[in-house]
Protein backbone atom coordinates (compact mmCIF):
# COMPACT_ATOMS: atom_id res chain seq x y z
CA MET A 1 0.01 -0.02 -0.02
CA GLU A 2 1.42 3.38 -0.99
CA SER A 3 1.66 5.67 2.00
CA ILE A 4 0.44 9.28 2.09
CA PRO A 5 2.96 11.73 3.61
CA VAL A 6 1.05 14.07 5.99
CA ILE A 7 1.76 16.76 8.43
CA LEU A 8 -0.75 17.19 11.29
CA ASP A 9 -1.26 20.78 12.29
CA MET A 10 -2.95 20.75 15.71
CA ASP A 11 -3.91 22.72 18.81
CA THR A 12 -4.03 19.57 20.88
CA GLY A 13 -7.14 19.40 22.97
CA ILE A 14 -9.19 16.30 23.54
CA ASP A 15 -10.44 15.43 20.10
CA ASP A 16 -7.04 16.41 18.65
CA ALA A 17 -5.52 13.81 20.97
CA LEU A 18 -7.86 11.22 19.58
CA ALA A 19 -6.99 12.30 16.07
CA ILE A 20 -3.30 11.92 16.76
CA LEU A 21 -3.79 8.34 18.04
CA TYR A 22 -5.97 7.61 14.99
CA ALA A 23 -3.26 8.89 12.63
CA LEU A 24 -0.42 7.10 14.36
CA SER A 25 -2.23 3.78 14.07
CA SER A 26 -2.83 4.23 10.33
CA LYS A 27 -1.11 1.89 7.87
CA LYS A 28 -1.63 4.40 5.04
CA LEU A 29 -0.74 7.78 6.57
CA ARG A 30 2.95 8.49 7.12
CA ALA A 31 3.16 11.29 9.66
CA LEU A 32 6.22 13.38 8.85
CA GLY A 33 5.61 15.53 11.93
CA ILE A 34 3.11 17.43 13.96
CA THR A 35 3.10 21.21 14.11
CA THR A 36 1.42 22.91 17.06
CA CYS A 37 -0.76 26.04 17.36
CA PHE A 38 -2.63 27.97 19.98
CA GLY A 39 -6.32 27.24 20.25
CA ASN A 40 -7.53 24.65 22.72
CA GLY A 41 -4.91 26.03 25.02
CA ASP A 42 -1.93 28.36 24.85
CA ILE A 43 0.96 27.23 22.70
CA GLU A 44 2.89 25.80 25.64
CA ASN A 45 -0.04 23.65 26.69
CA THR A 46 -0.87 22.44 23.13
CA THR A 47 2.71 21.60 22.50
CA ARG A 48 3.12 19.67 25.73
CA ASN A 49 -0.16 17.84 25.16
CA THR A 50 0.98 16.89 21.65
CA LEU A 51 4.28 15.47 22.95
CA ALA A 52 2.50 13.59 25.70
CA ILE A 53 -0.01 11.99 23.32
CA VAL A 54 2.70 11.09 20.82
CA GLU A 55 4.60 9.33 23.66
CA LEU A 56 1.44 7.56 24.86
CA GLY A 57 0.93 6.43 21.29
CA LEU A 58 4.41 4.81 21.44
CA SER A 59 5.59 6.99 18.60
CA SER A 60 8.65 9.21 18.02
CA VAL A 61 7.04 11.44 15.37
CA PRO A 62 8.67 14.82 15.72
CA VAL A 63 6.75 17.85 17.07
CA TYR A 64 7.37 21.42 16.03
CA GLN A 65 6.04 24.42 17.97
CA GLY A 66 4.13 26.96 15.94
CA ALA A 67 2.01 30.07 16.31
CA SER A 68 1.07 31.48 19.70
CA HIS A 69 -1.46 34.07 18.45
CA PRO A 70 -3.60 34.86 15.38
CA LEU A 71 -2.25 36.75 12.41
CA VAL A 72 -3.66 40.13 13.31
CA SER A 73 -5.86 39.86 16.39
CA PRO A 74 -5.07 39.06 20.02
CA TRP A 75 -5.80 35.45 21.10
CA GLU A 76 -9.06 34.93 22.91
CA SER A 77 -9.00 31.83 25.06
CA THR A 78 -12.52 30.29 24.65
CA ALA A 79 -11.92 26.53 24.75
CA GLU A 80 -11.79 25.84 28.45
CA ALA A 81 -15.45 24.86 28.65
CA PHE A 82 -14.89 21.98 26.33
CA HIS A 83 -11.24 21.15 26.76
CA GLY A 84 -10.49 22.19 30.34
CA PRO A 85 -7.80 24.44 31.76
CA ASN A 86 -4.90 22.46 30.18
CA GLY A 87 -6.58 21.45 26.96
CA LEU A 88 -7.05 17.83 28.02
CA GLY A 89 -9.89 18.22 30.45
CA GLY A 90 -7.70 19.04 33.44
CA THR A 91 -6.25 15.51 33.18
CA ARG A 92 -2.87 15.40 35.02
CA ILE A 93 -0.30 15.05 32.19
CA PHE A 94 3.11 13.67 32.79
CA HIS A 95 6.15 15.54 31.55
CA PRO A 96 6.97 13.93 28.22
CA THR A 97 10.54 12.82 27.63
CA GLN A 98 10.45 13.90 24.02
CA LYS A 99 10.92 17.68 23.46
CA ALA A 100 9.75 19.91 20.64
CA GLU A 101 12.25 20.11 17.82
CA PRO A 102 14.48 23.20 17.60
CA LEU A 103 13.35 23.91 14.02
CA SER A 104 10.24 26.13 13.86
CA ALA A 105 6.92 24.82 12.60
CA LEU A 106 7.15 27.11 9.53
CA ASP A 107 10.65 25.96 8.59
CA PHE A 108 9.61 22.36 9.02
CA LEU A 109 6.53 22.85 6.85
CA ARG A 110 8.57 24.58 4.15
CA LYS A 111 11.27 21.92 4.00
CA SER A 112 8.73 19.03 4.10
CA ILE A 113 6.67 20.49 1.26
CA GLU A 114 9.73 20.94 -0.84
CA ASP A 115 11.00 17.45 -0.06
CA HIS A 116 7.60 15.84 -0.84
CA ALA A 117 6.44 18.15 -3.62
CA HIS A 118 2.99 17.32 -5.08
CA ASP A 119 2.50 14.43 -2.65
CA ILE A 120 2.17 15.98 0.74
CA VAL A 121 -1.22 16.45 2.55
CA LEU A 122 -1.60 18.92 5.37
CA VAL A 123 -4.28 18.01 7.92
CA ALA A 124 -5.25 21.13 9.82
CA THR A 125 -7.38 20.65 12.94
CA ALA A 126 -6.39 23.97 14.54
CA ARG A 127 -6.61 27.60 13.60
CA LEU A 128 -5.05 28.06 10.20
CA THR A 129 -2.35 30.46 11.45
CA ASN A 130 0.65 28.22 10.76
CA ILE A 131 -0.34 27.37 7.24
CA ALA A 132 -1.41 30.93 6.36
CA SER A 133 1.86 32.33 7.69
CA LEU A 134 3.80 29.79 5.55
CA LEU A 135 1.81 30.62 2.42
CA LEU A 136 2.23 34.36 2.92
CA ALA A 137 5.97 33.95 3.33
CA HIS A 138 6.49 31.37 0.58
CA THR A 139 3.88 31.78 -2.14
CA GLU A 140 5.83 29.47 -4.40
CA LEU A 141 4.83 26.51 -2.14
CA THR A 142 1.16 26.62 -3.03
CA SER A 143 1.64 24.56 -6.20
CA LEU A 144 3.57 21.91 -4.34
CA ILE A 145 0.89 20.94 -1.79
CA LYS A 146 -1.29 18.13 -2.90
CA ARG A 147 -4.16 18.96 -0.53
CA ILE A 148 -5.12 20.60 2.72
CA VAL A 149 -7.82 18.80 4.78
CA VAL A 150 -9.32 21.47 7.07
CA MET A 151 -11.37 20.61 10.14
CA GLY A 152 -13.30 23.82 10.22
CA GLY A 153 -16.22 25.73 8.99
CA ALA A 154 -19.98 25.27 8.91
CA ALA A 155 -21.41 25.30 5.40
CA PHE A 156 -25.14 24.65 5.92
CA VAL A 157 -25.45 24.20 9.71
CA PRO A 158 -25.05 26.61 12.69
CA GLY A 159 -21.66 27.49 14.11
CA ASN A 160 -20.39 26.43 17.50
CA VAL A 161 -18.80 29.66 18.71
CA THR A 162 -21.35 32.07 17.23
CA PRO A 163 -24.58 31.43 15.42
CA VAL A 164 -22.68 31.15 12.13
CA ALA A 165 -18.95 30.59 12.90
CA GLU A 166 -17.06 27.38 13.77
CA ALA A 167 -14.21 27.63 16.31
CA ASN A 168 -11.14 27.06 14.13
CA ILE A 169 -12.25 29.55 11.50
CA TRP A 170 -13.55 32.04 14.00
CA GLY A 171 -10.24 31.82 15.97
CA ASP A 172 -8.26 33.33 13.12
CA PRO A 173 -10.46 34.27 10.23
CA GLU A 174 -7.71 36.23 8.46
CA ALA A 175 -5.60 33.06 8.34
CA ALA A 176 -8.55 31.07 7.02
CA TRP A 177 -9.06 33.72 4.31
CA VAL A 178 -5.38 33.41 3.22
CA VAL A 179 -5.65 29.63 3.02
CA PHE A 180 -9.02 29.52 1.30
CA HIS A 181 -7.84 31.98 -1.35
CA SER A 182 -4.43 30.34 -1.87
CA GLY A 183 -5.34 28.10 -4.75
CA VAL A 184 -4.23 24.99 -2.84
CA PRO A 185 -6.82 22.12 -3.11
CA ILE A 186 -8.90 22.18 0.11
CA THR A 187 -11.27 19.66 1.59
CA MET A 188 -13.40 21.26 4.28
CA VAL A 189 -14.52 18.80 6.94
CA GLY A 190 -16.78 21.05 8.93
CA LEU A 191 -19.58 20.78 11.42
CA ASP A 192 -21.93 19.57 8.69
CA VAL A 193 -20.34 16.18 9.02
CA THR A 194 -18.34 16.18 12.29
CA MET A 195 -21.45 16.68 14.36
CA GLN A 196 -22.77 13.38 12.92
CA VAL A 197 -19.99 11.19 14.26
CA PRO A 198 -20.12 11.06 18.06
CA ILE A 199 -18.10 9.27 20.69
CA SER A 200 -20.39 7.98 23.45
CA ASP A 201 -20.26 6.82 27.05
CA GLY A 202 -20.79 3.27 25.68
CA MET A 203 -17.68 3.55 23.50
CA LEU A 204 -15.63 5.10 26.25
CA SER A 205 -16.49 2.39 28.69
CA SER A 206 -15.25 -0.27 26.24
CA LEU A 207 -11.74 1.17 25.86
CA VAL A 208 -9.22 -1.68 26.32
CA PRO A 209 -7.48 -1.13 29.69
CA GLN A 210 -4.12 -2.35 28.46
CA VAL A 211 -3.55 0.51 25.97
CA PRO A 212 -0.89 2.97 27.23
CA TYR A 213 -3.13 5.94 26.87
CA PHE A 214 -6.01 4.42 28.81
CA ASP A 215 -5.98 6.68 31.87
CA VAL A 216 -5.51 9.96 30.05
CA ILE A 217 -8.08 9.29 27.35
CA ARG A 218 -10.65 7.91 29.79
CA GLU A 219 -10.44 10.97 32.00
CA ALA A 220 -10.16 13.52 29.20
CA VAL A 221 -13.06 12.10 27.20
CA ASP A 222 -15.21 11.86 30.24
CA PHE A 223 -14.65 15.62 30.67
CA TYR A 224 -15.43 16.15 26.95
CA LEU A 225 -18.70 14.23 27.21
CA SER A 226 -19.75 16.17 30.30
CA ALA A 227 -18.92 19.47 28.54
CA TYR A 228 -21.24 18.64 25.64
CA ASN A 229 -23.96 17.27 27.93
CA PRO A 230 -24.17 19.43 31.06
CA GLY A 231 -26.22 17.81 33.73
CA GLU A 232 -26.70 14.61 31.78
CA PRO A 233 -25.96 11.43 33.72
CA ARG A 234 -23.16 9.11 32.50
CA GLY A 235 -24.46 6.54 30.09
CA ASN A 236 -26.45 8.87 27.82
CA ARG A 237 -23.76 11.28 26.69
CA THR A 238 -22.30 11.82 23.25
CA ALA A 239 -19.79 14.35 21.81
CA PRO A 240 -18.55 14.93 18.28
CA LEU A 241 -15.28 13.53 16.91
CA HIS A 242 -14.37 16.58 14.93
CA ASP A 243 -10.67 16.15 14.48
CA PRO A 244 -10.45 12.33 14.00
CA LEU A 245 -12.87 12.59 11.12
CA ALA A 246 -10.62 15.08 9.33
CA VAL A 247 -7.66 12.73 9.76
CA ALA A 248 -9.77 9.82 8.49
CA VAL A 249 -10.82 11.83 5.38
CA ALA A 250 -7.12 12.54 4.66
CA GLU A 251 -6.58 8.81 4.65
CA ASP A 252 -9.78 7.84 2.83
CA ASP A 253 -11.82 10.56 1.10
CA SER A 254 -14.63 8.13 0.31
CA LEU A 255 -15.81 8.52 3.94
CA CYS A 256 -17.39 11.86 3.04
CA LYS A 257 -19.27 12.97 -0.02
CA THR A 258 -18.14 16.41 -1.05
CA GLN A 259 -19.35 19.21 -3.31
CA ALA A 260 -17.04 21.66 -5.08
CA LEU A 261 -18.31 25.03 -4.03
CA PRO A 262 -17.12 28.69 -3.77
CA VAL A 263 -16.33 29.43 -0.11
CA ASP A 264 -15.25 32.69 1.35
CA ILE A 265 -14.46 33.87 4.90
CA GLU A 266 -16.31 36.81 6.47
CA LEU A 267 -13.83 39.11 8.19
CA SER A 268 -15.78 42.19 9.24
CA GLY A 269 -19.38 41.36 9.95
CA ARG A 270 -20.56 42.46 13.36
CA PHE A 271 -22.42 39.20 13.85
CA THR A 272 -20.84 37.07 11.18
CA ARG A 273 -17.08 37.38 11.54
CA GLY A 274 -15.47 33.94 10.95
CA MET A 275 -18.39 32.59 8.95
CA THR A 276 -17.65 30.28 6.05
CA VAL A 277 -19.84 31.84 3.37
CA VAL A 278 -20.76 29.17 0.84
CA ASP A 279 -22.24 30.18 -2.46
CA ARG A 280 -24.49 27.46 -3.75
CA ARG A 281 -26.57 29.62 -6.20
CA GLU A 282 -27.08 27.83 -9.44
CA ARG A 283 -26.07 30.83 -11.55
CA THR A 284 -23.20 32.03 -9.44
CA THR A 285 -20.12 33.24 -11.38
CA ALA A 286 -17.78 32.46 -8.44
CA ALA A 287 -15.38 29.58 -9.10
CA PRO A 288 -15.42 26.63 -6.68
CA ASN A 289 -12.30 26.74 -4.41
CA VAL A 290 -13.19 24.17 -1.74
CA ASP A 291 -14.48 20.57 -1.62
CA VAL A 292 -17.07 20.86 1.11
CA ALA A 293 -17.96 17.61 2.94
CA VAL A 294 -21.73 17.39 3.04
CA THR A 295 -22.39 13.77 4.09
CA VAL A 296 -20.42 11.13 6.01
CA ASP A 297 -20.48 7.35 6.19
CA ARG A 298 -21.11 7.47 9.90
CA GLU A 299 -21.11 3.77 10.70
CA ARG A 300 -18.00 3.02 8.69
CA PHE A 301 -16.01 5.82 10.31
CA LEU A 302 -17.12 4.98 13.84
CA LYS A 303 -16.23 1.32 13.32
CA GLN A 304 -12.78 2.28 12.06
CA PHE A 305 -12.24 4.75 14.88
CA ALA A 306 -13.24 2.13 17.49
CA GLN A 307 -10.94 -0.45 16.01
CA ARG A 308 -7.95 1.88 15.64
CA LEU A 309 -8.00 3.16 19.24
CA GLN A 310 -9.06 -0.20 20.67
CA PHE A 311 -12.55 0.46 21.78
CA GLN A 312 -14.35 -2.86 21.75
CA GLN A 313 -17.54 -1.42 20.42
CA SER A 314 -18.54 1.51 18.18
CA GLY A 315 -21.81 2.38 19.84
């Protein structure tokens, strides 16, 4: 099986952690490295979380620290309600033995894209700050990237930070605008599909105790389920697997049906900043620039996810 060289660009919170473990267990994806970004915590937390999860995944994939704030706006920390004070639900994280690489995230991205020209896929489950910064500094790289799979946006469903904006796009809309206007092929795995693929109490309770990440994932996902279901008793809770689905689509794009559509990013609207504005008018003159995921093979993905991370059931 021919492998796909990928770089994971992450702000490691709870679902990012699950996405890392999913990617590291793939026989098809070849993770060249993970770049970190602010988002589900500050850059120190997200980088430490990434290193810890990589170590728990029994991997030595290198980690490169990236952006600590958006392109033009100050960083607003808004993720604690869903990811806890340290990005992993307040779970006590050990000090990983592996350290972030001395090379910056941008230098690593540039070198990797040049070394794997036309083959590399970037999987972005964070704010798009790192990738936008790279493309602004090195416009010549746009033709060398095979695809960017973005976990972000909300095409035809409500947002999750504002009525119309999804967190990753809202967190740095200027960066999203740069990436969406770059000309690089983009697959947008947004809330339209990620909200359809939940992890559940039943799945969590079936996690095999022998896996090295058992304690951290059990505690972190329990926090995540509570955050999405305040006041709901254990046993009935579900929460979306946003980031793992994006990684899964990078590996197997048949999991989601997509539509090629014109997508822009709202930068200045008082109520709509960070909105992914999708033009699906039949007579639009705008050229499609994004493959928007509109449906997902829910059962197939959840089965694969459960098998990869060693949950014994997918319900």
